[in-house]
């Protein structure tokens, strides 16, 4: 897990992958989400995304939405994704940002963690695309100046 995001020179074209998009890609096989997650660029995510997606896979198996084979495939895809991303920890700095208002309130705590993580990248918003399927994350990311897919 990478705690420090890559430098600006290395991250032109940063794509922050939020949990809802990754779950849509891995579990729902949503073609738009799959394309967004696979689009070239430096991929960054939060440790929260990995945890939320792993839990979604476990829930899907427990509720018979996935077979054992499908669960194994989804877990494998998640592991490959994690290895190909910069994974940012949920740090004290991220949690400090979560405690301050976002442009469009109310917003849930876990969504705020994703937005705060994006801001902690210290990248100019024009260099970052937030990949999400969550309306609250989408609206706030746009209000903060980020491109959204």
C-alpha atoms as a PDB file:
ATOM      1  CA  UNK A   1       0.000   0.000   0.000  1.00  0.00           C
ATOM      2  CA  UNK A   2       1.390   3.398  -0.973  1.00  0.00           C
ATOM      3  CA  UNK A   3       0.896   6.079   1.674  1.00  0.00           C
ATOM      4  CA  UNK A   4       2.421   8.931  -0.335  1.00  0.00           C
ATOM      5  CA  UNK A   5       0.913   9.774  -3.707  1.00  0.00           C
ATOM      6  CA  UNK A   6       3.226   9.997  -6.697  1.00  0.00           C
ATOM      7  CA  UNK A   7       4.693  13.361  -7.691  1.00  0.00           C
ATOM      8  CA  UNK A   8       2.915  15.727 -10.054  1.00  0.00           C
ATOM      9  CA  UNK A   9       5.278  14.922 -12.905  1.00  0.00           C
ATOM     10  CA  UNK A  10       4.399  11.244 -12.634  1.00  0.00           C
ATOM     11  CA  UNK A  11       0.638  11.676 -12.390  1.00  0.00           C
ATOM     12  CA  UNK A  12      -0.573  13.608 -15.404  1.00  0.00           C
ATOM     13  CA  UNK A  13      -3.822  11.816 -16.100  1.00  0.00           C
ATOM     14  CA  UNK A  14      -4.567  10.621 -12.553  1.00  0.00           C
ATOM     15  CA  UNK A  15      -7.735   8.575 -12.286  1.00  0.00           C
ATOM     16  CA  UNK A  16      -9.164   8.238  -8.775  1.00  0.00           C
ATOM     17  CA  UNK A  17     -11.258   5.067  -8.701  1.00  0.00           C
ATOM     18  CA  UNK A  18     -14.023   5.269  -6.094  1.00  0.00           C
ATOM     19  CA  UNK A  19     -15.720   2.186  -4.603  1.00  0.00           C
ATOM     20  CA  UNK A  20     -19.034   2.430  -6.416  1.00  0.00           C
ATOM     21  CA  UNK A  21     -17.329   2.365  -9.827  1.00  0.00           C
ATOM     22  CA  UNK A  22     -15.093  -0.569  -8.920  1.00  0.00           C
ATOM     23  CA  UNK A  23     -18.027  -2.569  -7.524  1.00  0.00           C
ATOM     24  CA  UNK A  24     -20.033  -1.818 -10.671  1.00  0.00           C
ATOM     25  CA  UNK A  25     -17.127  -2.993 -12.823  1.00  0.00           C
ATOM     26  CA  UNK A  26     -16.282  -6.166 -10.880  1.00  0.00           C
ATOM     27  CA  UNK A  27     -19.678  -7.373  -9.674  1.00  0.00           C
ATOM     28  CA  UNK A  28     -22.218  -5.907 -12.052  1.00  0.00           C
ATOM     29  CA  UNK A  29     -19.969  -6.136 -15.119  1.00  0.00           C
ATOM     30  CA  UNK A  30     -21.209  -2.649 -16.013  1.00  0.00           C
ATOM     31  CA  UNK A  31     -19.556  -1.948 -19.368  1.00  0.00           C
ATOM     32  CA  UNK A  32     -19.204   1.808 -18.765  1.00  0.00           C
ATOM     33  CA  UNK A  33     -17.664   1.213 -15.340  1.00  0.00           C
ATOM     34  CA  UNK A  34     -15.329  -1.444 -16.768  1.00  0.00           C
ATOM     35  CA  UNK A  35     -14.202   0.954 -19.485  1.00  0.00           C
ATOM     36  CA  UNK A  36     -13.654   3.778 -16.976  1.00  0.00           C
ATOM     37  CA  UNK A  37     -11.632   1.551 -14.645  1.00  0.00           C
ATOM     38  CA  UNK A  38      -9.556   0.206 -17.551  1.00  0.00           C
ATOM     39  CA  UNK A  39      -8.908   3.583 -19.221  1.00  0.00           C
ATOM     40  CA  UNK A  40      -5.178   4.355 -19.343  1.00  0.00           C
ATOM     41  CA  UNK A  41      -3.776   6.741 -16.768  1.00  0.00           C
ATOM     42  CA  UNK A  42      -2.231   6.534 -13.333  1.00  0.00           C
ATOM     43  CA  UNK A  43      -4.837   4.862 -11.149  1.00  0.00           C
ATOM     44  CA  UNK A  44      -5.184   5.911  -7.533  1.00  0.00           C
ATOM     45  CA  UNK A  45      -7.657   4.679  -4.966  1.00  0.00           C
ATOM     46  CA  UNK A  46      -8.221   4.649  -1.232  1.00  0.00           C
ATOM     47  CA  UNK A  47      -7.635   1.705   1.060  1.00  0.00           C
ATOM     48  CA  UNK A  48     -11.335   2.239   1.772  1.00  0.00           C
ATOM     49  CA  UNK A  49     -12.148   1.296  -1.849  1.00  0.00           C
ATOM     50  CA  UNK A  50     -10.336  -2.008  -1.476  1.00  0.00           C
ATOM     51  CA  UNK A  51     -12.136  -2.742   1.812  1.00  0.00           C
ATOM     52  CA  UNK A  52     -15.576  -1.721   0.516  1.00  0.00           C
ATOM     53  CA  UNK A  53     -15.168  -3.761  -2.661  1.00  0.00           C
ATOM     54  CA  UNK A  54     -13.967  -6.830  -0.752  1.00  0.00           C
ATOM     55  CA  UNK A  55     -17.020  -6.547   1.515  1.00  0.00           C
ATOM     56  CA  UNK A  56     -19.313  -6.188  -1.512  1.00  0.00           C
ATOM     57  CA  UNK A  57     -17.868  -9.403  -2.948  1.00  0.00           C
ATOM     58  CA  UNK A  58     -18.402 -11.215   0.357  1.00  0.00           C
ATOM     59  CA  UNK A  59     -21.987  -9.903   0.610  1.00  0.00           C
ATOM     60  CA  UNK A  60     -22.712 -10.955  -2.974  1.00  0.00           C
ATOM     61  CA  UNK A  61     -21.516 -14.492  -2.261  1.00  0.00           C
ATOM     62  CA  UNK A  62     -23.374 -14.702   1.064  1.00  0.00           C
ATOM     63  CA  UNK A  63     -26.616 -13.647  -0.633  1.00  0.00           C
ATOM     64  CA  UNK A  64     -26.076 -16.033  -3.570  1.00  0.00           C
ATOM     65  CA  UNK A  65     -25.601 -13.220  -6.109  1.00  0.00           C
ATOM     66  CA  UNK A  66     -22.256 -14.845  -6.956  1.00  0.00           C
ATOM     67  CA  UNK A  67     -21.268 -18.461  -7.352  1.00  0.00           C
ATOM     68  CA  UNK A  68     -18.054 -19.691  -5.742  1.00  0.00           C
ATOM     69  CA  UNK A  69     -16.309 -19.438  -9.130  1.00  0.00           C
ATOM     70  CA  UNK A  70     -17.582 -15.911  -9.670  1.00  0.00           C
ATOM     71  CA  UNK A  71     -16.442 -14.963  -6.171  1.00  0.00           C
ATOM     72  CA  UNK A  72     -12.929 -16.301  -6.869  1.00  0.00           C
ATOM     73  CA  UNK A  73     -12.817 -14.385 -10.149  1.00  0.00           C
ATOM     74  CA  UNK A  74     -13.959 -11.166  -8.465  1.00  0.00           C
ATOM     75  CA  UNK A  75     -11.413 -11.552  -5.647  1.00  0.00           C
ATOM     76  CA  UNK A  76      -8.683 -12.166  -8.228  1.00  0.00           C
ATOM     77  CA  UNK A  77      -9.735  -9.093 -10.200  1.00  0.00           C
ATOM     78  CA  UNK A  78      -9.707  -7.002  -7.020  1.00  0.00           C
ATOM     79  CA  UNK A  79      -6.205  -8.205  -6.144  1.00  0.00           C
ATOM     80  CA  UNK A  80      -4.950  -7.381  -9.663  1.00  0.00           C
ATOM     81  CA  UNK A  81      -6.560  -3.953  -9.449  1.00  0.00           C
ATOM     82  CA  UNK A  82      -4.939  -3.306  -6.065  1.00  0.00           C
ATOM     83  CA  UNK A  83      -1.508  -4.253  -7.396  1.00  0.00           C
ATOM     84  CA  UNK A  84      -1.892  -1.866 -10.345  1.00  0.00           C
ATOM     85  CA  UNK A  85      -2.979   1.153  -8.274  1.00  0.00           C
ATOM     86  CA  UNK A  86      -1.491   3.590  -5.851  1.00  0.00           C
ATOM     87  CA  UNK A  87      -3.506   2.799  -2.731  1.00  0.00           C
ATOM     88  CA  UNK A  88      -3.714   5.742  -0.348  1.00  0.00           C
ATOM     89  CA  UNK A  89      -4.255   4.972   3.320  1.00  0.00           C
ATOM     90  CA  UNK A  90      -7.013   6.534   5.388  1.00  0.00           C
ATOM     91  CA  UNK A  91      -4.600   8.830   7.200  1.00  0.00           C
ATOM     92  CA  UNK A  92      -5.072  11.417   9.927  1.00  0.00           C
ATOM     93  CA  UNK A  93      -4.857  14.090   7.204  1.00  0.00           C
ATOM     94  CA  UNK A  94      -7.682  12.449   5.260  1.00  0.00           C
ATOM     95  CA  UNK A  95      -9.803  12.142   8.395  1.00  0.00           C
ATOM     96  CA  UNK A  96      -9.062  15.772   9.285  1.00  0.00           C
ATOM     97  CA  UNK A  97     -10.404  16.864   5.894  1.00  0.00           C
ATOM     98  CA  UNK A  98     -13.499  14.676   6.373  1.00  0.00           C
ATOM     99  CA  UNK A  99     -14.391  16.758   9.452  1.00  0.00           C
ATOM    100  CA  UNK A 100     -14.766  19.932   7.370  1.00  0.00           C
ATOM    101  CA  UNK A 101     -17.737  20.724   5.113  1.00  0.00           C
ATOM    102  CA  UNK A 102     -17.847  19.761   1.459  1.00  0.00           C
ATOM    103  CA  UNK A 103     -19.474  21.945  -1.195  1.00  0.00           C
ATOM    104  CA  UNK A 104     -22.704  19.932  -1.301  1.00  0.00           C
ATOM    105  CA  UNK A 105     -23.923  18.673   2.064  1.00  0.00           C
ATOM    106  CA  UNK A 106     -25.100  16.379   3.483  1.00  0.00           C
ATOM    107  CA  UNK A 107     -22.596  13.735   2.463  1.00  0.00           C
ATOM    108  CA  UNK A 108     -21.970  10.382   4.121  1.00  0.00           C
ATOM    109  CA  UNK A 109     -18.714   9.792   5.996  1.00  0.00           C
ATOM    110  CA  UNK A 110     -17.388   7.126   3.631  1.00  0.00           C
ATOM    111  CA  UNK A 111     -18.101   9.318   0.592  1.00  0.00           C
ATOM    112  CA  UNK A 112     -16.293  12.157   2.364  1.00  0.00           C
ATOM    113  CA  UNK A 113     -13.276   9.874   2.832  1.00  0.00           C
ATOM    114  CA  UNK A 114     -13.125   9.342  -0.938  1.00  0.00           C
ATOM    115  CA  UNK A 115     -13.363  13.064  -1.662  1.00  0.00           C
ATOM    116  CA  UNK A 116     -10.818  13.914   1.029  1.00  0.00           C
ATOM    117  CA  UNK A 117      -8.429  11.317  -0.384  1.00  0.00           C
ATOM    118  CA  UNK A 118      -8.769  12.891  -3.816  1.00  0.00           C
ATOM    119  CA  UNK A 119      -7.949  16.293  -2.340  1.00  0.00           C
ATOM    120  CA  UNK A 120      -4.962  14.881  -0.433  1.00  0.00           C
ATOM    121  CA  UNK A 121      -3.358  13.909  -3.737  1.00  0.00           C
ATOM    122  CA  UNK A 122      -2.311  17.557  -4.036  1.00  0.00           C
ATOM    123  CA  UNK A 123      -2.977  17.458  -7.759  1.00  0.00           C
ATOM    124  CA  UNK A 124      -4.652  20.323  -9.577  1.00  0.00           C
ATOM    125  CA  UNK A 125      -8.258  19.284 -10.231  1.00  0.00           C
ATOM    126  CA  UNK A 126      -7.806  19.501 -14.033  1.00  0.00           C
ATOM    127  CA  UNK A 127      -5.264  16.649 -13.792  1.00  0.00           C
ATOM    128  CA  UNK A 128      -7.606  14.295 -11.915  1.00  0.00           C
ATOM    129  CA  UNK A 129     -10.641  12.319 -13.083  1.00  0.00           C
ATOM    130  CA  UNK A 130     -12.878  10.889 -10.370  1.00  0.00           C
ATOM    131  CA  UNK A 131     -14.413   7.617 -11.527  1.00  0.00           C
ATOM    132  CA  UNK A 132     -17.617   7.041  -9.551  1.00  0.00           C
ATOM    133  CA  UNK A 133     -21.209   5.861  -9.794  1.00  0.00           C
ATOM    134  CA  UNK A 134     -22.234   7.637  -6.579  1.00  0.00           C
ATOM    135  CA  UNK A 135     -24.332  10.790  -7.052  1.00  0.00           C
ATOM    136  CA  UNK A 136     -23.075  12.551  -3.893  1.00  0.00           C
ATOM    137  CA  UNK A 137     -19.427  11.891  -4.756  1.00  0.00           C
ATOM    138  CA  UNK A 138     -20.075  12.966  -8.357  1.00  0.00           C
ATOM    139  CA  UNK A 139     -21.745  16.247  -7.397  1.00  0.00           C
ATOM    140  CA  UNK A 140     -19.077  17.166  -4.846  1.00  0.00           C
ATOM    141  CA  UNK A 141     -16.200  16.199  -7.137  1.00  0.00           C
ATOM    142  CA  UNK A 142     -17.608  18.449  -9.855  1.00  0.00           C
ATOM    143  CA  UNK A 143     -18.123  21.275  -7.335  1.00  0.00           C
ATOM    144  CA  UNK A 144     -14.468  20.856  -6.295  1.00  0.00           C
ATOM    145  CA  UNK A 145     -13.381  21.205  -9.928  1.00  0.00           C
ATOM    146  CA  UNK A 146     -12.625  17.585 -10.824  1.00  0.00           C
ATOM    147  CA  UNK A 147     -13.650  15.857 -14.016  1.00  0.00           C
ATOM    148  CA  UNK A 148     -15.979  12.918 -13.374  1.00  0.00           C
ATOM    149  CA  UNK A 149     -16.739   9.691 -15.222  1.00  0.00           C
END
